[in-house]
C-alpha atoms as a PDB file:
ATOM      1  CA  MET A   1     152.079  53.224 166.598  1.00  0.00           C
ATOM      2  CA  ARG A   2     148.704  53.192 164.868  1.00  0.00           C
ATOM      3  CA  LYS A   3     148.844  54.178 161.169  1.00  0.00           C
ATOM      4  CA  ILE A   4     146.984  57.329 160.275  1.00  0.00           C
ATOM      5  CA  ILE A   5     144.526  56.970 157.418  1.00  0.00           C
ATOM      6  CA  ASP A   6     142.699  59.641 155.481  1.00  0.00           C
ATOM      7  CA  TYR A   7     140.323  59.892 152.483  1.00  0.00           C
ATOM      8  CA  LYS A   8     143.186  59.972 149.967  1.00  0.00           C
ATOM      9  CA  LYS A   9     144.722  56.785 151.348  1.00  0.00           C
ATOM     10  CA  ALA A  10     141.288  55.187 151.187  1.00  0.00           C
ATOM     11  CA  GLY A  11     141.221  55.954 147.463  1.00  0.00           C
ATOM     12  CA  VAL A  12     139.419  59.303 147.129  1.00  0.00           C
ATOM     13  CA  ASP A  13     141.519  62.362 146.279  1.00  0.00           C
ATOM     14  CA  ILE A  14     139.568  65.558 147.004  1.00  0.00           C
ATOM     15  CA  ASN A  15     142.410  67.775 145.750  1.00  0.00           C
ATOM     16  CA  LYS A  16     142.339  66.119 142.334  1.00  0.00           C
ATOM     17  CA  ALA A  17     138.575  66.510 142.215  1.00  0.00           C
ATOM     18  CA  ASP A  18     138.927  70.238 142.878  1.00  0.00           C
ATOM     19  CA  LEU A  19     141.614  70.498 140.202  1.00  0.00           C
ATOM     20  CA  ALA A  20     139.386  68.719 137.687  1.00  0.00           C
ATOM     21  CA  LYS A  21     136.458  71.041 138.465  1.00  0.00           C
ATOM     22  CA  ASN A  22     138.626  74.126 138.010  1.00  0.00           C
ATOM     23  CA  ARG A  23     139.845  72.815 134.638  1.00  0.00           C
ATOM     24  CA  ILE A  24     136.360  72.303 133.257  1.00  0.00           C
ATOM     25  CA  LYS A  25     134.568  75.439 134.483  1.00  0.00           C
ATOM     26  CA  LYS A  26     135.411  77.541 131.433  1.00  0.00           C
ATOM     27  CA  LEU A  27     134.486  74.724 129.068  1.00  0.00           C
ATOM     28  CA  VAL A  28     131.100  74.191 130.697  1.00  0.00           C
ATOM     29  CA  ARG A  29     130.258  77.913 130.846  1.00  0.00           C
ATOM     30  CA  SER A  30     130.763  78.107 127.078  1.00  0.00           C
ATOM     31  CA  THR A  31     127.501  76.131 126.655  1.00  0.00           C
ATOM     32  CA  PHE A  32     125.386  78.513 128.770  1.00  0.00           C
ATOM     33  CA  ASP A  33     122.545  80.479 127.218  1.00  0.00           C
ATOM     34  CA  SER A  34     120.244  83.119 128.684  1.00  0.00           C
ATOM     35  CA  GLY A  35     118.129  80.470 130.398  1.00  0.00           C
ATOM     36  CA  VAL A  36     120.933  79.311 132.714  1.00  0.00           C
ATOM     37  CA  LEU A  37     120.663  81.016 136.109  1.00  0.00           C
ATOM     38  CA  THR A  38     123.363  79.237 138.133  1.00  0.00           C
ATOM     39  CA  ASP A  39     127.114  78.827 137.811  1.00  0.00           C
ATOM     40  CA  ILE A  40     129.137  75.641 138.174  1.00  0.00           C
ATOM     41  CA  GLY A  41     129.277  74.476 141.777  1.00  0.00           C
ATOM     42  CA  SER A  42     125.679  75.071 142.878  1.00  0.00           C
ATOM     43  CA  PHE A  43     123.780  72.240 144.535  1.00  0.00           C
ATOM     44  CA  GLY A  44     121.319  72.325 141.667  1.00  0.00           C
ATOM     45  CA  GLY A  45     121.226  73.723 138.148  1.00  0.00           C
ATOM     46  CA  PHE A  46     118.604  76.414 137.483  1.00  0.00           C
ATOM     47  CA  TYR A  47     117.112  76.922 134.042  1.00  0.00           C
ATOM     48  CA  ALA A  48     114.416  79.499 133.209  1.00  0.00           C
ATOM     49  CA  LEU A  49     111.833  78.323 130.696  1.00  0.00           C
ATOM     50  CA  THR A  50     110.872  81.264 128.512  1.00  0.00           C
ATOM     51  CA  GLN A  51     107.081  81.135 128.453  1.00  0.00           C
ATOM     52  CA  ARG A  52     106.776  83.626 125.586  1.00  0.00           C
ATOM     53  CA  LYS A  53     107.725  80.962 123.049  1.00  0.00           C
ATOM     54  CA  TYR A  54     105.223  78.369 124.255  1.00  0.00           C
ATOM     55  CA  LYS A  55     101.515  78.616 124.965  1.00  0.00           C
ATOM     56  CA  ASN A  56     101.382  75.226 126.662  1.00  0.00           C
ATOM     57  CA  PRO A  57     104.932  73.894 127.112  1.00  0.00           C
ATOM     58  CA  VAL A  58     105.604  70.270 128.006  1.00  0.00           C
ATOM     59  CA  LEU A  59     108.985  69.189 129.375  1.00  0.00           C
ATOM     60  CA  VAL A  60     110.405  65.965 127.954  1.00  0.00           C
ATOM     61  CA  SER A  61     113.325  64.177 129.612  1.00  0.00           C
ATOM     62  CA  SER A  62     115.536  61.167 129.006  1.00  0.00           C
ATOM     63  CA  THR A  63     118.558  59.507 130.585  1.00  0.00           C
ATOM     64  CA  ASP A  64     121.014  56.889 129.360  1.00  0.00           C
ATOM     65  CA  SER A  65     124.613  55.706 129.559  1.00  0.00           C
ATOM     66  CA  VAL A  66     127.340  55.154 126.973  1.00  0.00           C
ATOM     67  CA  GLY A  67     127.507  51.491 127.985  1.00  0.00           C
ATOM     68  CA  THR A  68     130.398  49.241 127.051  1.00  0.00           C
ATOM     69  CA  LYS A  69     131.448  51.503 124.193  1.00  0.00           C
ATOM     70  CA  LEU A  70     133.488  53.037 127.002  1.00  0.00           C
ATOM     71  CA  LYS A  71     135.724  49.960 126.890  1.00  0.00           C
ATOM     72  CA  ILE A  72     136.869  51.075 123.411  1.00  0.00           C
ATOM     73  CA  ALA A  73     137.733  54.517 124.778  1.00  0.00           C
ATOM     74  CA  PHE A  74     139.731  52.894 127.588  1.00  0.00           C
ATOM     75  CA  GLN A  75     141.641  50.668 125.151  1.00  0.00           C
ATOM     76  CA  MET A  76     142.407  53.570 122.823  1.00  0.00           C
ATOM     77  CA  LYS A  77     143.052  56.031 125.671  1.00  0.00           C
ATOM     78  CA  LYS A  78     140.717  58.390 123.800  1.00  0.00           C
ATOM     79  CA  HIS A  79     138.210  60.163 126.026  1.00  0.00           C
ATOM     80  CA  ASP A  80     137.141  63.248 124.044  1.00  0.00           C
ATOM     81  CA  THR A  81     134.298  61.700 122.004  1.00  0.00           C
ATOM     82  CA  ILE A  82     132.218  59.609 124.384  1.00  0.00           C
ATOM     83  CA  GLY A  83     130.748  62.760 125.944  1.00  0.00           C
ATOM     84  CA  GLU A  84     129.367  63.709 122.544  1.00  0.00           C
ATOM     85  CA  ASP A  85     128.022  60.153 122.223  1.00  0.00           C
ATOM     86  CA  ILE A  86     125.870  60.408 125.324  1.00  0.00           C
ATOM     87  CA  VAL A  87     124.588  63.900 124.519  1.00  0.00           C
ATOM     88  CA  ASN A  88     123.531  62.833 121.015  1.00  0.00           C
ATOM     89  CA  HIS A  89     121.949  59.621 122.260  1.00  0.00           C
ATOM     90  CA  CYS A  90     119.841  61.392 124.891  1.00  0.00           C
ATOM     91  CA  VAL A  91     118.931  64.267 122.580  1.00  0.00           C
ATOM     92  CA  ASN A  92     117.721  61.872 119.869  1.00  0.00           C
ATOM     93  CA  ASP A  93     115.514  60.157 122.449  1.00  0.00           C
ATOM     94  CA  ILE A  94     113.550  63.342 123.156  1.00  0.00           C
ATOM     95  CA  LEU A  95     113.745  64.506 119.542  1.00  0.00           C
ATOM     96  CA  VAL A  96     111.418  61.678 118.505  1.00  0.00           C
ATOM     97  CA  HIS A  97     108.671  63.410 120.512  1.00  0.00           C
ATOM     98  CA  GLY A  98     109.329  66.764 118.851  1.00  0.00           C
ATOM     99  CA  ALA A  99     111.169  68.211 121.864  1.00  0.00           C
ATOM    100  CA  LYS A 100     114.003  70.722 121.549  1.00  0.00           C
ATOM    101  CA  PRO A 101     116.808  70.127 124.069  1.00  0.00           C
ATOM    102  CA  LEU A 102     117.198  72.807 126.752  1.00  0.00           C
ATOM    103  CA  PHE A 103     119.810  71.525 129.178  1.00  0.00           C
ATOM    104  CA  PHE A 104     121.953  68.513 129.967  1.00  0.00           C
ATOM    105  CA  LEU A 105     123.523  66.992 133.101  1.00  0.00           C
ATOM    106  CA  ASP A 106     126.138  64.273 133.397  1.00  0.00           C
ATOM    107  CA  TYR A 107     127.300  61.719 135.944  1.00  0.00           C
ATOM    108  CA  ILE A 108     130.862  60.358 135.923  1.00  0.00           C
ATOM    109  CA  GLY A 109     131.631  57.474 138.268  1.00  0.00           C
ATOM    110  CA  ILE A 110     135.368  56.820 138.296  1.00  0.00           C
ATOM    111  CA  GLY A 111     137.877  54.583 140.055  1.00  0.00           C
ATOM    112  CA  LYS A 112     140.885  56.875 140.184  1.00  0.00           C
ATOM    113  CA  LEU A 113     140.441  60.503 139.211  1.00  0.00           C
ATOM    114  CA  TYR A 114     142.792  61.912 136.594  1.00  0.00           C
ATOM    115  CA  PRO A 115     141.964  65.610 135.971  1.00  0.00           C
ATOM    116  CA  GLU A 116     143.229  65.426 132.372  1.00  0.00           C
ATOM    117  CA  VAL A 117     140.864  62.509 131.602  1.00  0.00           C
ATOM    118  CA  ILE A 118     137.904  64.361 133.132  1.00  0.00           C
ATOM    119  CA  GLN A 119     138.773  67.387 131.013  1.00  0.00           C
ATOM    120  CA  GLU A 120     138.717  65.262 127.850  1.00  0.00           C
ATOM    121  CA  ILE A 121     135.343  63.758 128.771  1.00  0.00           C
ATOM    122  CA  ILE A 122     133.900  67.213 129.384  1.00  0.00           C
ATOM    123  CA  LYS A 123     135.261  68.442 126.036  1.00  0.00           C
ATOM    124  CA  GLY A 124     133.057  65.856 124.337  1.00  0.00           C
ATOM    125  CA  LEU A 125     130.046  66.778 126.448  1.00  0.00           C
ATOM    126  CA  VAL A 126     130.544  70.463 125.659  1.00  0.00           C
ATOM    127  CA  ARG A 127     130.955  69.820 121.942  1.00  0.00           C
ATOM    128  CA  GLY A 128     127.778  67.727 121.914  1.00  0.00           C
ATOM    129  CA  CYS A 129     125.796  70.335 123.817  1.00  0.00           C
ATOM    130  CA  LYS A 130     126.941  73.149 121.513  1.00  0.00           C
ATOM    131  CA  LYS A 131     126.032  71.195 118.372  1.00  0.00           C
ATOM    132  CA  ASN A 132     122.589  70.461 119.796  1.00  0.00           C
ATOM    133  CA  ASN A 133     121.998  73.975 121.164  1.00  0.00           C
ATOM    134  CA  CYS A 134     121.611  72.935 124.794  1.00  0.00           C
ATOM    135  CA  SER A 135     123.372  73.985 127.983  1.00  0.00           C
ATOM    136  CA  LEU A 136     125.473  71.763 130.215  1.00  0.00           C
ATOM    137  CA  ILE A 137     124.232  73.080 133.570  1.00  0.00           C
ATOM    138  CA  GLY A 138     125.584  70.555 136.037  1.00  0.00           C
ATOM    139  CA  GLY A 139     126.949  67.122 136.797  1.00  0.00           C
ATOM    140  CA  GLU A 140     128.573  64.834 139.316  1.00  0.00           C
ATOM    141  CA  MET A 141     132.017  63.261 139.610  1.00  0.00           C
ATOM    142  CA  ALA A 142     131.993  60.357 142.055  1.00  0.00           C
ATOM    143  CA  GLN A 143     135.277  58.695 143.010  1.00  0.00           C
ATOM    144  CA  LEU A 144     134.399  55.057 143.665  1.00  0.00           C
ATOM    145  CA  PRO A 145     137.657  53.081 143.840  1.00  0.00           C
ATOM    146  CA  GLU A 146     135.883  49.955 145.097  1.00  0.00           C
ATOM    147  CA  PHE A 147     133.496  49.935 142.108  1.00  0.00           C
ATOM    148  CA  TYR A 148     135.730  50.793 139.155  1.00  0.00           C
ATOM    149  CA  LYS A 149     139.204  49.799 138.019  1.00  0.00           C
ATOM    150  CA  PRO A 150     141.783  52.635 138.269  1.00  0.00           C
ATOM    151  CA  ASP A 151     141.677  53.459 134.542  1.00  0.00           C
ATOM    152  CA  GLU A 152     137.936  52.998 134.021  1.00  0.00           C
ATOM    153  CA  TYR A 153     134.781  55.037 134.585  1.00  0.00           C
ATOM    154  CA  ASP A 154     131.086  55.168 133.765  1.00  0.00           C
ATOM    155  CA  LEU A 155     129.330  58.024 131.984  1.00  0.00           C
ATOM    156  CA  VAL A 156     125.611  58.739 132.255  1.00  0.00           C
ATOM    157  CA  GLY A 157     123.656  61.627 130.768  1.00  0.00           C
ATOM    158  CA  PHE A 158     120.323  63.317 131.449  1.00  0.00           C
ATOM    159  CA  VAL A 159     118.589  65.755 129.105  1.00  0.00           C
ATOM    160  CA  VAL A 160     115.504  67.966 129.414  1.00  0.00           C
ATOM    161  CA  GLY A 161     113.755  69.462 126.407  1.00  0.00           C
ATOM    162  CA  VAL A 162     110.491  71.246 125.625  1.00  0.00           C
ATOM    163  CA  VAL A 163     107.696  70.883 123.094  1.00  0.00           C
ATOM    164  CA  GLU A 164     104.404  72.687 122.566  1.00  0.00           C
ATOM    165  CA  ARG A 165     101.682  70.358 123.842  1.00  0.00           C
ATOM    166  CA  LYS A 166      99.768  70.333 120.567  1.00  0.00           C
ATOM    167  CA  LYS A 167     102.969  69.500 118.668  1.00  0.00           C
ATOM    168  CA  ILE A 168     103.903  66.402 120.668  1.00  0.00           C
ATOM    169  CA  ILE A 169     104.806  63.507 118.373  1.00  0.00           C
ATOM    170  CA  ASP A 170     103.844  60.150 119.878  1.00  0.00           C
ATOM    171  CA  GLY A 171     102.723  57.916 117.006  1.00  0.00           C
ATOM    172  CA  SER A 172      99.029  58.143 117.868  1.00  0.00           C
ATOM    173  CA  LYS A 173      98.191  59.624 114.420  1.00  0.00           C
ATOM    174  CA  ILE A 174      99.868  56.821 112.457  1.00  0.00           C
ATOM    175  CA  VAL A 175      97.461  55.037 110.081  1.00  0.00           C
ATOM    176  CA  PRO A 176      97.710  52.338 107.387  1.00  0.00           C
ATOM    177  CA  GLY A 177      99.139  53.811 104.177  1.00  0.00           C
ATOM    178  CA  ASP A 178     101.754  55.936 105.948  1.00  0.00           C
ATOM    179  CA  ILE A 179     105.341  55.798 104.686  1.00  0.00           C
ATOM    180  CA  LEU A 180     108.502  54.952 106.618  1.00  0.00           C
ATOM    181  CA  LEU A 181     111.734  56.785 105.842  1.00  0.00           C
ATOM    182  CA  GLY A 182     115.007  55.708 107.419  1.00  0.00           C
ATOM    183  CA  LEU A 183     117.959  57.998 108.118  1.00  0.00           C
ATOM    184  CA  GLY A 184     121.419  56.471 107.886  1.00  0.00           C
ATOM    185  CA  SER A 185     123.599  55.781 110.909  1.00  0.00           C
ATOM    186  CA  ASN A 186     127.386  55.892 110.735  1.00  0.00           C
ATOM    187  CA  GLY A 187     127.904  52.590 112.502  1.00  0.00           C
ATOM    188  CA  LEU A 188     127.013  51.044 115.847  1.00  0.00           C
ATOM    189  CA  HIS A 189     126.257  54.407 117.521  1.00  0.00           C
ATOM    190  CA  THR A 190     126.121  53.371 121.222  1.00  0.00           C
ATOM    191  CA  ASN A 191     124.455  49.953 121.151  1.00  0.00           C
ATOM    192  CA  GLY A 192     125.502  46.351 120.725  1.00  0.00           C
ATOM    193  CA  TYR A 193     129.054  46.874 121.943  1.00  0.00           C
ATOM    194  CA  THR A 194     129.095  43.949 124.344  1.00  0.00           C
ATOM    195  CA  LEU A 195     128.467  41.580 121.426  1.00  0.00           C
ATOM    196  CA  ALA A 196     130.682  43.458 118.954  1.00  0.00           C
ATOM    197  CA  ARG A 197     133.611  43.561 121.380  1.00  0.00           C
ATOM    198  CA  LYS A 198     133.325  39.860 122.194  1.00  0.00           C
ATOM    199  CA  VAL A 199     133.220  38.977 118.500  1.00  0.00           C
ATOM    200  CA  LEU A 200     136.062  41.198 117.317  1.00  0.00           C
ATOM    201  CA  PHE A 201     138.451  41.110 120.264  1.00  0.00           C
ATOM    202  CA  GLU A 202     137.856  37.638 121.728  1.00  0.00           C
ATOM    203  CA  ILE A 203     136.738  35.516 118.759  1.00  0.00           C
ATOM    204  CA  GLY A 204     138.440  37.471 115.964  1.00  0.00           C
ATOM    205  CA  LYS A 205     141.527  38.309 118.071  1.00  0.00           C
ATOM    206  CA  TYR A 206     141.669  41.837 116.626  1.00  0.00           C
ATOM    207  CA  LYS A 207     143.306  44.745 118.428  1.00  0.00           C
ATOM    208  CA  VAL A 208     141.992  48.319 118.399  1.00  0.00           C
ATOM    209  CA  ASN A 209     144.854  49.461 116.160  1.00  0.00           C
ATOM    210  CA  ASP A 210     144.456  46.656 113.590  1.00  0.00           C
ATOM    211  CA  TYR A 211     143.585  48.059 110.145  1.00  0.00           C
ATOM    212  CA  VAL A 212     140.744  46.265 108.358  1.00  0.00           C
ATOM    213  CA  LYS A 213     140.633  46.745 104.588  1.00  0.00           C
ATOM    214  CA  GLU A 214     136.906  46.058 104.452  1.00  0.00           C
ATOM    215  CA  LEU A 215     136.271  48.930 106.877  1.00  0.00           C
ATOM    216  CA  LYS A 216     138.973  51.209 105.446  1.00  0.00           C
ATOM    217  CA  ASN A 217     139.692  51.883 109.077  1.00  0.00           C
ATOM    218  CA  SER A 218     141.152  50.383 112.231  1.00  0.00           C
ATOM    219  CA  THR A 219     138.758  48.442 114.439  1.00  0.00           C
ATOM    220  CA  GLY A 220     139.108  51.003 117.229  1.00  0.00           C
ATOM    221  CA  LYS A 221     138.437  54.065 115.069  1.00  0.00           C
ATOM    222  CA  GLU A 222     135.464  52.332 113.469  1.00  0.00           C
ATOM    223  CA  LEU A 223     133.889  51.388 116.778  1.00  0.00           C
ATOM    224  CA  ILE A 224     134.467  54.753 118.446  1.00  0.00           C
ATOM    225  CA  LYS A 225     132.693  56.771 115.718  1.00  0.00           C
ATOM    226  CA  VAL A 226     130.394  59.294 117.391  1.00  0.00           C
ATOM    227  CA  HIS A 227     126.688  58.480 117.683  1.00  0.00           C
ATOM    228  CA  ARG A 228     124.941  60.807 115.219  1.00  0.00           C
ATOM    229  CA  SER A 229     122.490  63.511 116.265  1.00  0.00           C
ATOM    230  CA  TYR A 230     119.517  64.157 113.968  1.00  0.00           C
ATOM    231  CA  VAL A 231     118.277  67.292 115.725  1.00  0.00           C
ATOM    232  CA  LYS A 232     119.155  69.936 113.139  1.00  0.00           C
ATOM    233  CA  SER A 233     117.852  67.934 110.173  1.00  0.00           C
ATOM    234  CA  ILE A 234     114.584  67.004 111.861  1.00  0.00           C
ATOM    235  CA  PHE A 235     113.708  70.484 113.099  1.00  0.00           C
ATOM    236  CA  LYS A 236     114.170  71.858 109.590  1.00  0.00           C
ATOM    237  CA  VAL A 237     111.543  69.336 108.489  1.00  0.00           C
ATOM    238  CA  LEU A 238     109.206  70.146 111.387  1.00  0.00           C
ATOM    239  CA  GLU A 239     109.177  73.822 110.418  1.00  0.00           C
ATOM    240  CA  ARG A 240     107.193  72.915 107.284  1.00  0.00           C
ATOM    241  CA  TYR A 241     105.837  69.371 107.553  1.00  0.00           C
ATOM    242  CA  GLN A 242     104.092  67.029 109.963  1.00  0.00           C
ATOM    243  CA  LEU A 243     105.747  63.859 111.179  1.00  0.00           C
ATOM    244  CA  LYS A 244     103.398  61.340 112.763  1.00  0.00           C
ATOM    245  CA  GLY A 245     106.033  59.335 114.534  1.00  0.00           C
ATOM    246  CA  MET A 246     109.763  58.850 114.998  1.00  0.00           C
ATOM    247  CA  ALA A 247     111.817  56.015 116.456  1.00  0.00           C
ATOM    248  CA  HIS A 248     115.420  56.268 117.580  1.00  0.00           C
ATOM    249  CA  ILE A 249     117.003  52.923 116.659  1.00  0.00           C
ATOM    250  CA  THR A 250     119.071  51.897 119.662  1.00  0.00           C
ATOM    251  CA  GLY A 251     119.219  48.696 121.738  1.00  0.00           C
ATOM    252  CA  GLY A 252     116.610  46.261 120.431  1.00  0.00           C
ATOM    253  CA  GLY A 253     117.132  47.292 116.819  1.00  0.00           C
ATOM    254  CA  ILE A 254     114.448  48.333 114.358  1.00  0.00           C
ATOM    255  CA  GLN A 255     111.774  45.964 115.608  1.00  0.00           C
ATOM    256  CA  GLY A 256     112.292  46.655 119.293  1.00  0.00           C
ATOM    257  CA  ASN A 257     112.130  50.431 118.897  1.00  0.00           C
ATOM    258  CA  LEU A 258     109.656  51.061 116.069  1.00  0.00           C
ATOM    259  CA  ILE A 259     106.949  49.010 117.771  1.00  0.00           C
ATOM    260  CA  ARG A 260     107.016  51.461 120.689  1.00  0.00           C
ATOM    261  CA  ILE A 261     105.239  54.132 118.619  1.00  0.00           C
ATOM    262  CA  LEU A 262     102.745  51.996 116.652  1.00  0.00           C
ATOM    263  CA  PRO A 263      99.025  52.263 117.478  1.00  0.00           C
ATOM    264  CA  GLU A 264      96.898  49.123 117.690  1.00  0.00           C
ATOM    265  CA  GLY A 265      95.843  47.836 114.267  1.00  0.00           C
ATOM    266  CA  CYS A 266      99.000  49.129 112.562  1.00  0.00           C
ATOM    267  CA  GLN A 267     101.754  46.876 111.275  1.00  0.00           C
ATOM    268  CA  ALA A 268     105.051  48.206 109.915  1.00  0.00           C
ATOM    269  CA  ILE A 269     106.542  46.359 106.940  1.00  0.00           C
ATOM    270  CA  ILE A 270     110.281  47.021 106.591  1.00  0.00           C
ATOM    271  CA  ASP A 271     112.173  46.032 103.441  1.00  0.00           C
ATOM    272  CA  VAL A 272     115.712  45.403 104.662  1.00  0.00           C
ATOM    273  CA  SER A 273     117.036  45.376 101.084  1.00  0.00           C
ATOM    274  CA  SER A 274     116.081  49.046 100.632  1.00  0.00           C
ATOM    275  CA  TRP A 275     119.216  50.556 102.191  1.00  0.00           C
ATOM    276  CA  SER A 276     122.974  50.047 102.165  1.00  0.00           C
ATOM    277  CA  ILE A 277     124.089  48.340 105.376  1.00  0.00           C
ATOM    278  CA  PRO A 278     127.470  49.763 106.514  1.00  0.00           C
ATOM    279  CA  PRO A 279     130.399  47.300 106.216  1.00  0.00           C
ATOM    280  CA  VAL A 280     131.015  47.183 109.978  1.00  0.00           C
ATOM    281  CA  PHE A 281     127.858  45.120 110.463  1.00  0.00           C
ATOM    282  CA  SER A 282     128.721  42.462 107.883  1.00  0.00           C
ATOM    283  CA  PHE A 283     132.261  42.380 109.309  1.00  0.00           C
ATOM    284  CA  VAL A 284     130.946  41.715 112.824  1.00  0.00           C
ATOM    285  CA  GLN A 285     128.405  39.185 111.555  1.00  0.00           C
ATOM    286  CA  ARG A 286     130.923  37.201 109.538  1.00  0.00           C
ATOM    287  CA  THR A 287     133.591  37.241 112.247  1.00  0.00           C
ATOM    288  CA  GLY A 288     131.167  35.951 114.866  1.00  0.00           C
ATOM    289  CA  SER A 289     128.977  33.751 112.631  1.00  0.00           C
ATOM    290  CA  ILE A 290     125.924  35.613 113.940  1.00  0.00           C
ATOM    291  CA  GLU A 291     122.444  34.875 112.613  1.00  0.00           C
ATOM    292  CA  THR A 292     120.911  37.709 110.561  1.00  0.00           C
ATOM    293  CA  GLU A 293     117.848  37.878 112.813  1.00  0.00           C
ATOM    294  CA  GLU A 294     120.125  38.377 115.810  1.00  0.00           C
ATOM    295  CA  MET A 295     122.037  41.142 114.028  1.00  0.00           C
ATOM    296  CA  PHE A 296     118.789  43.051 113.456  1.00  0.00           C
ATOM    297  CA  ARG A 297     117.703  42.448 117.054  1.00  0.00           C
ATOM    298  CA  VAL A 298     120.929  43.854 118.522  1.00  0.00           C
ATOM    299  CA  PHE A 299     122.197  46.547 116.114  1.00  0.00           C
ATOM    300  CA  ASN A 300     120.711  49.487 114.193  1.00  0.00           C
ATOM    301  CA  MET A 301     122.052  47.923 110.962  1.00  0.00           C
ATOM    302  CA  GLY A 302     122.615  51.292 109.317  1.00  0.00           C
ATOM    303  CA  ILE A 303     119.338  53.025 110.229  1.00  0.00           C
ATOM    304  CA  GLY A 304     119.655  55.493 113.094  1.00  0.00           C
ATOM    305  CA  LEU A 305     116.203  57.092 112.979  1.00  0.00           C
ATOM    306  CA  ILE A 306     112.881  56.074 111.414  1.00  0.00           C
ATOM    307  CA  LEU A 307     110.255  58.653 110.456  1.00  0.00           C
ATOM    308  CA  VAL A 308     106.567  57.991 109.823  1.00  0.00           C
ATOM    309  CA  MET A 309     104.564  60.377 107.643  1.00  0.00           C
ATOM    310  CA  SER A 310     101.621  60.525 105.276  1.00  0.00           C
ATOM    311  CA  LYS A 311     102.366  59.415 101.724  1.00  0.00           C
ATOM    312  CA  ARG A 312     101.606  62.862 100.286  1.00  0.00           C
ATOM    313  CA  ASP A 313     104.437  64.446 102.286  1.00  0.00           C
ATOM    314  CA  ALA A 314     107.084  61.751 101.835  1.00  0.00           C
ATOM    315  CA  ASP A 315     108.726  63.059  98.641  1.00  0.00           C
ATOM    316  CA  ARG A 316     109.062  66.610  99.961  1.00  0.00           C
ATOM    317  CA  ILE A 317     110.337  65.460 103.341  1.00  0.00           C
ATOM    318  CA  GLU A 318     112.914  63.252 101.637  1.00  0.00           C
ATOM    319  CA  LYS A 319     114.186  66.222  99.606  1.00  0.00           C
ATOM    320  CA  GLU A 320     114.380  68.422 102.712  1.00  0.00           C
ATOM    321  CA  LEU A 321     116.372  65.789 104.583  1.00  0.00           C
ATOM    322  CA  LYS A 322     118.783  65.276 101.707  1.00  0.00           C
ATOM    323  CA  LYS A 323     119.399  69.033 101.626  1.00  0.00           C
ATOM    324  CA  SER A 324     120.550  68.674 105.250  1.00  0.00           C
ATOM    325  CA  GLY A 325     123.026  66.002 104.209  1.00  0.00           C
ATOM    326  CA  GLU A 326     121.107  62.981 105.451  1.00  0.00           C
ATOM    327  CA  LYS A 327     121.181  59.581 103.773  1.00  0.00           C
ATOM    328  CA  VAL A 328     117.473  58.888 103.300  1.00  0.00           C
ATOM    329  CA  TYR A 329     115.898  55.541 102.433  1.00  0.00           C
ATOM    330  CA  TRP A 330     112.300  54.533 101.701  1.00  0.00           C
ATOM    331  CA  ILE A 331     112.293  51.510 103.959  1.00  0.00           C
ATOM    332  CA  GLY A 332     108.642  50.525 104.271  1.00  0.00           C
ATOM    333  CA  GLU A 333     105.029  51.331 104.982  1.00  0.00           C
ATOM    334  CA  ILE A 334     102.251  50.942 107.525  1.00  0.00           C
ATOM    335  CA  VAL A 335      99.535  48.376 106.768  1.00  0.00           C
ATOM    336  CA  SER A 336      96.456  47.148 108.608  1.00  0.00           C
ATOM    337  CA  GLY A 337      97.088  44.256 110.938  1.00  0.00           C
ATOM    338  CA  ARG A 338      98.242  43.212 114.361  1.00  0.00           C
ATOM    339  CA  LYS A 339     100.545  45.755 116.015  1.00  0.00           C
ATOM    340  CA  ASP A 340     103.908  44.463 114.858  1.00  0.00           C
ATOM    341  CA  VAL A 341     107.099  45.210 112.917  1.00  0.00           C
ATOM    342  CA  LYS A 342     107.804  42.751 110.121  1.00  0.00           C
ATOM    343  CA  LEU A 343     111.166  42.627 108.340  1.00  0.00           C
ATOM    344  CA  ILE A 344     111.171  41.267 104.789  1.00  0.00           C
ATOM    345  CA  ASN A 345     113.733  40.517 102.037  1.00  0.00           C
ATOM    346  CA  PHE A 346     116.699  39.568 104.206  1.00  0.00           C
END
């Protein structure tokens, strides 16, 4: 007799998908604001842009993934923070253009669907959206047993924000003499994990639960620290002062990201001795015998966001940021020269 096969036997469990969706509906609705016009389950998410607040609104969008930081979550069986990671990462990417986040969507590709794991992921997404004042209006859960291992998944996020056209920040007003302030990160954020994991877990032979005195933490807890959002601090500054440019320091490090906003004829000089580099970076570097130049090319090295402003505003902006609890460093200046980012005083 021929064996009967169905979707579940092929690896996709529709019943578990329905259970997961029912578990997360209340969580997701808790992020809704008056602009959300659709409930969970629609083919598309509707969001009404309130024209009264903007004379000439421009929508700004960004998408990204958590990357191999997910491997730490898998090892620790901790899934309630990586959602916040991806929200903060995406939100920071549109923040640098002066855009306020409006709504967020997620994509979860998973090998075997466990409703309780999905619920934990969504908890992080919801927490991130609430902290950044944006709505989680939709998403997708795709069961792909031939792509992912049973206990693994991928997480991708997509954010849309809005900025008044005349208030767009794109670096075009940067001139020689401008000052660079750096805002502290709390670790790797969401970049450089492929290298960090290879160094610590393959070369160093550490486990996620191993306590490291230098870090005052276990390797797992250190690496899974949530990527910081700078939204609240920056918009307090923008209420009173002008920022000419901002760079979110992600993959590619300071040089790879700051150069993206520099006009021709402007060179950024960064004094790398001007801030305290978090211990996790020296720990990774020493364990893997990594060259300093490579460390700065891969990691944020303790600077999560760089701001460019006129010299006359720098002191007041620094004070405003410190009031918001930010670690603020005077890390350099803009000079005349070939468009470039130069790091000095290693």
